[in-house]
Amino acid sequence: MSMPGINVSNILKEHEELGLRLLAGEKGLTNRINMSEINRPGLSLTGFYESFAHDRIQIFGKGEWAFITSRSPEDLKQIAADFFSFHLNCIIFTHGNMPPPIFLENCERLGIPLMISDVSTHKFITLISGILDRSLAPRTMRHGVLIEVFGIGILLSGKSGVGKSETALELIERGHRLVADDMVEIRRLSESYLIGTCSDLLRHHMEIRGLGILNIKDIFGIGSVRDHKLIELIIHLEEWTEDKDFDRTGLENPTEELLGVQIPLIRVPVRPGRNIPIIVETAAMNQRLRKLGKNAAQEFNQKLGQYLQQGKVERNPPQDQ
C-alpha cells in the first residue's frame, strides 16, 4: 500500500474545473501536496498560530480576503511577516479576489505558488477536496480483470492462463463492461469503499492469447467500457482438482482483504464444460440480492431446520437394497 502525493502543477494544469490562474511563485509548482485536508487561515491571520496547519493548501475565501484588505499597511506587513515565516506549499484566493501586493511579493520570493480562482469558496473546496481524496487515496496494484456485471464491480483473479480475460471477453459480448485487464489499480476512497481503475496506457485494451492486444472500445463500442468501478466482489478462478474443496452451500461468507477493506470472495473451479461467464453473471445477481438482505443459502438452511424440527424429513432414510 502506498500514499502518493500530488504536485501543485498537477492541480493547476490538469483540473480546468477549478478555474485556477497562477499569479506568483512559479518556482514552487513542484511543491508536493501530501494531505487531502485544506486550511482556511482565518484565525491564524489574527496572530493565533498555535494550531496553524501550514502543511495544507491555504484557501483565502471572502472572509480572509476582507480581513487582510481592511488592515493598515503596517498591520498587513506584520501579518505577512508572521504568515510567511512558515513553510507553505500553496495559496489560493477564491471568488476572483486579488491578493495584496505584499502577498505576491512574498510568494514570488519564497517560491510559493499563489493562484486565484473565480469559483466560490464553498464550491472550490468541494471540488478540490474530491480531487485530493482521489489523488492521495491509499492504492495498490492487483493482477486480474475488473468488469462490471449487472452493475456489480467484479474483480476476476487467478493464475495466469486460467481464463480470466476470455471469461471477461464473453461477458463483454453479453453486454457487460470492461474496466481493466491484466493490471488493476485499486484505491481506497473511504474505510469501506474500493475503486478500481486502469492506467491510461492500458485503458480499454485486453490481451487474448492467440489474438493479441484488442481495443475493446473500438470493437464493441463505447458502451462496453468504463473508466472506474466500485469493487464489490472478488471471483477467484482456480483449476479444478480432486483434492480441492469448494463451497457447495453458500453458507460460508469468505472475504479477502484489500487495503484494509474486506471484500466478498467466491472461489470458482474451472474445468472443461463449465460455463464460467454465466456463473459470474449469476454470482453478480446473487450479490445484488445479498445487498438487499436476501440470502438464498441461509433461507434454505432455515427452512431445512424447520422441516427437521417438524419431523417432515426422515432423519435416518432407508438404505438402498
Protein backbone atom coordinates (compact mmCIF):
# COMPACT_ATOMS: atom_id res chain seq x y z
CA MET A 1 0.00 0.00 0.00
CA SER A 2 1.30 3.47 -0.88
CA MET A 3 0.26 7.02 -0.10
CA PRO A 4 1.29 9.07 -3.13
CA GLY A 5 1.43 12.85 -3.25
CA ILE A 6 0.42 15.28 -5.97
CA ASN A 7 2.36 18.26 -7.33
CA VAL A 8 0.84 21.73 -7.30
CA SER A 9 1.43 21.83 -11.07
CA ASN A 10 -0.90 18.85 -11.49
CA ILE A 11 -3.67 20.69 -9.68
CA LEU A 12 -3.11 23.82 -11.77
CA LYS A 13 -2.80 22.22 -15.21
CA GLU A 14 -4.98 19.11 -15.09
CA HIS A 15 -8.17 20.35 -13.44
CA GLU A 16 -9.84 23.04 -15.51
CA GLU A 17 -12.97 22.84 -13.34
CA LEU A 18 -11.07 24.71 -10.60
CA GLY A 19 -10.51 27.72 -12.87
CA LEU A 20 -7.04 28.39 -11.44
CA ARG A 21 -4.64 31.08 -12.66
CA LEU A 22 -1.06 31.40 -11.40
CA LEU A 23 -0.10 34.88 -10.19
CA ALA A 24 3.24 34.27 -8.46
CA GLY A 25 5.62 31.61 -7.17
CA GLU A 26 6.11 29.59 -10.36
CA LYS A 27 9.30 28.10 -8.88
CA GLY A 28 7.18 26.24 -6.32
CA LEU A 29 4.94 24.37 -8.77
CA THR A 30 6.90 21.24 -7.93
CA ASN A 31 5.80 21.53 -4.28
CA ARG A 32 4.14 18.31 -3.24
CA ILE A 33 0.77 18.02 -1.54
CA ASN A 34 0.62 15.05 0.82
CA MET A 35 -2.60 15.78 2.72
CA SER A 36 -6.18 15.73 1.44
CA GLU A 37 -7.36 18.31 4.01
CA ILE A 38 -7.28 22.03 3.22
CA ASN A 39 -6.92 25.00 5.58
CA ARG A 40 -8.62 28.39 5.82
CA PRO A 41 -6.20 30.54 7.85
CA GLY A 42 -8.76 33.00 9.23
CA LEU A 43 -7.84 32.68 12.90
CA SER A 44 -4.12 32.47 12.18
CA LEU A 45 -4.18 35.81 10.35
CA THR A 46 -5.20 37.45 13.63
CA GLY A 47 -1.98 36.20 15.22
CA PHE A 48 -3.01 32.83 16.67
CA TYR A 49 -0.62 30.28 15.13
CA GLU A 50 -0.63 27.64 17.85
CA SER A 51 -2.52 25.10 15.70
CA PHE A 52 -1.74 26.51 12.26
CA ALA A 53 -1.94 23.75 9.61
CA HIS A 54 0.75 25.24 7.40
CA ASP A 55 1.39 21.96 5.54
CA ARG A 56 -2.03 22.09 3.83
CA ILE A 57 -3.30 24.11 0.88
CA GLN A 58 -4.23 27.57 2.19
CA ILE A 59 -7.62 28.81 0.95
CA PHE A 60 -8.41 32.53 1.23
CA GLY A 61 -12.16 32.99 0.94
CA LYS A 62 -14.20 36.18 1.20
CA GLY A 63 -13.66 36.41 4.96
CA GLU A 64 -9.87 36.09 4.86
CA TRP A 65 -9.64 38.46 1.89
CA ALA A 66 -11.85 41.08 3.56
CA PHE A 67 -9.75 40.89 6.72
CA ILE A 68 -6.33 41.37 5.12
CA THR A 69 -7.51 44.10 2.72
CA SER A 70 -9.03 46.08 5.60
CA ARG A 71 -5.77 46.20 7.60
CA SER A 72 -3.47 49.19 7.62
CA PRO A 73 -0.15 48.87 5.69
CA GLU A 74 1.73 48.43 8.97
CA ASP A 75 -0.64 45.71 10.23
CA LEU A 76 -0.61 43.92 6.88
CA LYS A 77 3.19 43.95 6.84
CA GLN A 78 3.24 42.24 10.25
CA ILE A 79 0.54 39.75 9.18
CA ALA A 80 2.58 38.84 6.10
CA ALA A 81 5.80 38.50 8.12
CA ASP A 82 4.15 36.08 10.55
CA PHE A 83 2.24 34.15 7.90
CA PHE A 84 5.18 33.64 5.54
CA SER A 85 7.52 32.61 8.35
CA PHE A 86 6.01 29.12 7.93
CA HIS A 87 6.81 26.71 5.12
CA LEU A 88 3.77 26.91 2.84
CA ASN A 89 3.17 24.78 -0.24
CA CYS A 90 0.32 26.63 -1.97
CA ILE A 91 -2.08 29.61 -1.53
CA ILE A 92 -5.38 30.05 -3.39
CA PHE A 93 -7.73 33.05 -3.41
CA THR A 94 -11.33 32.30 -4.39
CA HIS A 95 -14.19 34.49 -5.76
CA GLY A 96 -11.70 36.13 -8.11
CA ASN A 97 -10.38 38.29 -5.27
CA MET A 98 -6.91 39.70 -5.93
CA PRO A 99 -4.33 39.24 -3.16
CA PRO A 100 -2.50 42.34 -1.89
CA PRO A 101 0.90 43.12 -3.46
CA ILE A 102 2.81 42.10 -0.32
CA PHE A 103 1.44 38.55 -0.72
CA LEU A 104 2.52 38.44 -4.36
CA GLU A 105 6.00 39.67 -3.44
CA ASN A 106 6.49 37.10 -0.68
CA CYS A 107 5.20 34.21 -2.78
CA GLU A 108 7.47 35.13 -5.68
CA ARG A 109 10.47 35.48 -3.38
CA LEU A 110 9.84 32.24 -1.46
CA GLY A 111 8.65 30.13 -4.38
CA ILE A 112 5.12 29.58 -3.03
CA PRO A 113 2.53 29.17 -5.82
CA LEU A 114 -0.14 31.84 -5.42
CA MET A 115 -3.25 31.22 -7.50
CA ILE A 116 -6.66 32.79 -7.99
CA SER A 117 -9.99 31.24 -8.94
CA ASP A 118 -13.34 32.81 -9.85
CA VAL A 119 -15.11 29.82 -8.26
CA SER A 120 -16.89 30.42 -4.95
CA THR A 121 -15.16 29.21 -1.80
CA HIS A 122 -17.72 26.52 -0.97
CA LYS A 123 -17.73 25.06 -4.48
CA PHE A 124 -13.96 25.29 -4.77
CA ILE A 125 -13.39 23.41 -1.51
CA THR A 126 -15.85 20.71 -2.61
CA LEU A 127 -14.08 20.30 -5.96
CA ILE A 128 -10.51 20.30 -4.68
CA SER A 129 -11.35 18.01 -1.76
CA GLY A 130 -12.65 15.42 -4.23
CA ILE A 131 -9.52 15.78 -6.36
CA LEU A 132 -7.22 15.38 -3.35
CA ASP A 133 -9.21 12.42 -1.97
CA ARG A 134 -8.84 10.57 -5.27
CA SER A 135 -5.20 11.53 -5.83
CA LEU A 136 -3.99 10.82 -2.30
CA ALA A 137 -6.07 7.71 -1.58
CA PRO A 138 -4.09 4.62 -0.47
CA ARG A 139 -3.61 2.43 -3.53
CA THR A 140 -2.24 -0.87 -4.74
CA MET A 141 -1.93 -2.83 -7.97
CA ARG A 142 -3.58 -6.19 -8.45
CA HIS A 143 -3.19 -8.72 -11.27
CA GLY A 144 -6.60 -9.60 -12.66
CA VAL A 145 -9.57 -8.30 -14.66
CA LEU A 146 -12.12 -5.80 -13.36
CA ILE A 147 -15.50 -5.91 -15.06
CA GLU A 148 -18.96 -4.51 -14.35
CA VAL A 149 -21.67 -7.19 -14.45
CA PHE A 150 -25.28 -6.12 -13.82
CA GLY A 151 -23.96 -3.04 -12.01
CA ILE A 152 -21.65 -5.05 -9.71
CA GLY A 153 -17.90 -4.44 -9.93
CA ILE A 154 -16.27 -7.88 -10.04
CA LEU A 155 -12.54 -8.49 -9.80
CA LEU A 156 -11.62 -11.73 -11.58
CA SER A 157 -8.41 -13.16 -10.15
CA GLY A 158 -6.44 -16.37 -10.62
CA LYS A 159 -3.23 -17.75 -12.04
CA SER A 160 -2.04 -16.65 -15.45
CA GLY A 161 -3.71 -18.68 -18.19
CA VAL A 162 -6.70 -19.78 -16.09
CA GLY A 163 -9.09 -17.90 -18.42
CA LYS A 164 -9.76 -14.52 -16.77
CA SER A 165 -9.56 -12.45 -19.96
CA GLU A 166 -11.51 -15.00 -22.01
CA THR A 167 -14.26 -15.00 -19.38
CA ALA A 168 -14.33 -11.21 -19.40
CA LEU A 169 -14.46 -11.15 -23.21
CA GLU A 170 -17.54 -13.39 -23.21
CA LEU A 171 -19.16 -11.14 -20.59
CA ILE A 172 -18.44 -8.06 -22.71
CA GLU A 173 -20.05 -9.79 -25.70
CA ARG A 174 -23.12 -10.33 -23.46
CA GLY A 175 -23.36 -6.58 -22.83
CA HIS A 176 -21.29 -6.07 -19.67
CA ARG A 177 -18.47 -3.53 -19.36
CA LEU A 178 -14.69 -3.77 -19.02
CA VAL A 179 -12.84 -1.56 -16.54
CA ALA A 180 -9.31 -3.01 -16.53
CA ASP A 181 -7.46 -6.04 -17.86
CA ASP A 182 -4.20 -7.54 -16.58
CA MET A 183 -3.28 -4.85 -14.02
CA VAL A 184 -5.98 -3.23 -11.89
CA GLU A 185 -5.17 -0.08 -9.92
CA ILE A 186 -7.18 -0.11 -6.67
CA ARG A 187 -7.75 2.93 -4.45
CA ARG A 188 -9.42 3.10 -1.04
CA LEU A 189 -11.64 6.18 -1.00
CA SER A 190 -13.11 5.53 2.45
CA GLU A 191 -12.98 2.96 5.21
CA SER A 192 -15.24 0.58 3.26
CA TYR A 193 -15.05 1.52 -0.44
CA LEU A 194 -12.52 0.44 -3.04
CA ILE A 195 -12.44 1.89 -6.55
CA GLY A 196 -10.73 0.01 -9.36
CA THR A 197 -9.36 1.66 -12.48
CA CYS A 198 -6.72 1.19 -15.16
CA SER A 199 -3.64 3.08 -16.28
CA ASP A 200 -4.04 5.43 -19.24
CA LEU A 201 -1.71 3.23 -21.31
CA LEU A 202 -3.72 0.02 -20.85
CA ARG A 203 -7.19 1.57 -20.68
CA HIS A 204 -9.82 -0.19 -22.84
CA HIS A 205 -7.27 -2.79 -24.02
CA MET A 206 -7.29 -6.52 -23.44
CA GLU A 207 -4.84 -9.32 -24.21
CA ILE A 208 -6.25 -12.59 -25.55
CA ARG A 209 -3.82 -15.43 -26.20
CA GLY A 210 -3.87 -16.24 -29.89
CA LEU A 211 -5.38 -12.89 -30.85
CA GLY A 212 -3.02 -10.45 -29.16
CA ILE A 213 -3.95 -6.96 -27.95
CA LEU A 214 -7.56 -5.89 -28.58
CA ASN A 215 -9.15 -2.45 -28.23
CA ILE A 216 -12.48 -3.32 -26.61
CA LYS A 217 -13.95 0.15 -27.11
CA ASP A 218 -13.26 0.06 -30.86
CA ILE A 219 -14.62 -3.48 -31.29
CA PHE A 220 -17.71 -3.40 -29.06
CA GLY A 221 -18.38 0.34 -28.76
CA ILE A 222 -18.10 2.98 -26.06
CA GLY A 223 -20.84 1.29 -24.02
CA SER A 224 -18.60 -1.74 -23.44
CA VAL A 225 -16.08 0.08 -21.24
CA ARG A 226 -15.92 2.38 -18.24
CA ASP A 227 -13.04 4.16 -16.53
CA HIS A 228 -13.59 3.11 -12.91
CA LYS A 229 -15.88 1.00 -10.77
CA LEU A 230 -16.57 0.21 -7.12
CA ILE A 231 -15.22 -3.28 -6.32
CA GLU A 232 -17.95 -5.30 -4.60
CA LEU A 233 -16.98 -8.92 -5.29
CA ILE A 234 -13.85 -10.96 -5.99
CA ILE A 235 -14.18 -14.17 -8.01
CA HIS A 236 -11.05 -16.30 -7.87
CA LEU A 237 -10.81 -18.76 -10.75
CA GLU A 238 -8.97 -22.00 -9.89
CA GLU A 239 -8.20 -25.09 -11.91
CA TRP A 240 -10.38 -27.95 -10.67
CA THR A 241 -8.63 -30.86 -8.97
CA GLU A 242 -9.93 -33.80 -6.94
CA ASP A 243 -8.16 -32.76 -3.75
CA LYS A 244 -9.65 -29.24 -3.59
CA ASP A 245 -12.84 -28.47 -1.67
CA PHE A 246 -15.16 -25.77 -2.96
CA ASP A 247 -18.19 -24.25 -1.24
CA ARG A 248 -21.36 -26.10 -2.26
CA THR A 249 -23.93 -24.48 0.04
CA GLY A 250 -23.18 -20.77 0.06
CA LEU A 251 -23.47 -20.66 3.86
CA GLU A 252 -19.87 -19.61 4.21
CA ASN A 253 -19.06 -15.94 3.72
CA PRO A 254 -15.34 -15.79 2.90
CA THR A 255 -13.72 -12.43 2.25
CA GLU A 256 -10.39 -11.12 1.03
CA GLU A 257 -8.74 -8.06 2.48
CA LEU A 258 -7.63 -5.32 0.10
CA LEU A 259 -6.20 -2.12 1.57
CA GLY A 260 -7.86 -2.92 4.87
CA VAL A 261 -11.31 -3.48 3.34
CA GLN A 262 -13.00 -6.90 3.43
CA ILE A 263 -14.44 -7.83 0.01
CA PRO A 264 -16.72 -10.89 -0.50
CA LEU A 265 -14.78 -13.74 -2.14
CA ILE A 266 -16.00 -16.63 -4.29
CA ARG A 267 -13.70 -19.44 -5.43
CA VAL A 268 -14.90 -20.94 -8.71
CA PRO A 269 -13.37 -24.17 -10.10
CA VAL A 270 -12.54 -24.11 -13.79
CA ARG A 271 -12.80 -27.29 -15.84
CA PRO A 272 -13.88 -28.24 -19.40
CA GLY A 273 -17.63 -27.93 -19.89
CA ARG A 274 -18.24 -25.34 -17.16
CA ASN A 275 -19.81 -22.09 -18.38
CA ILE A 276 -17.80 -19.64 -16.30
CA PRO A 277 -19.35 -16.43 -17.76
CA ILE A 278 -22.88 -17.47 -16.78
CA ILE A 279 -21.59 -18.44 -13.31
CA VAL A 280 -20.11 -14.94 -12.98
CA GLU A 281 -23.41 -13.38 -14.10
CA THR A 282 -25.32 -15.44 -11.56
CA ALA A 283 -22.85 -14.51 -8.83
CA ALA A 284 -23.38 -10.83 -9.68
CA MET A 285 -27.17 -11.15 -9.45
CA ASN A 286 -26.87 -13.11 -6.21
CA GLN A 287 -24.60 -10.39 -4.78
CA ARG A 288 -27.25 -7.78 -5.65
CA LEU A 289 -29.82 -9.80 -3.72
CA ARG A 290 -27.48 -10.11 -0.74
CA LYS A 291 -27.09 -6.34 -0.69
CA LEU A 292 -30.88 -6.17 -0.41
CA GLY A 293 -30.80 -8.57 2.53
CA LYS A 294 -31.82 -11.76 0.73
CA ASN A 295 -29.57 -14.81 1.16
CA ALA A 296 -30.86 -17.94 -0.59
CA ALA A 297 -28.48 -20.30 1.25
CA GLN A 298 -29.46 -19.01 4.68
CA GLU A 299 -33.18 -19.08 3.80
CA PHE A 300 -32.91 -22.69 2.63
CA ASN A 301 -30.98 -23.65 5.75
CA GLN A 302 -33.68 -22.12 7.94
CA LYS A 303 -36.42 -23.97 6.05
CA LEU A 304 -34.48 -27.23 6.34
CA GLY A 305 -34.14 -26.73 10.08
CA GLN A 306 -37.88 -26.11 10.39
CA TYR A 307 -38.68 -29.29 8.43
CA LEU A 308 -36.34 -31.29 10.65
CA GLN A 309 -37.97 -29.92 13.78
CA GLN A 310 -41.44 -30.73 12.44
CA GLY A 311 -40.41 -34.27 11.54
CA LYS A 312 -41.16 -33.78 7.83
CA VAL A 313 -37.77 -35.10 6.82
CA GLU A 314 -36.64 -38.58 7.82
CA ARG A 315 -33.57 -38.35 9.97
CA ASN A 316 -32.46 -41.87 9.02
CA PRO A 317 -33.53 -42.53 5.42
CA PRO A 318 -33.66 -46.20 4.38
CA GLN A 319 -30.57 -47.60 2.72
CA ASP A 320 -30.71 -48.73 -0.90
CA GLN A 321 -31.17 -52.51 -1.23
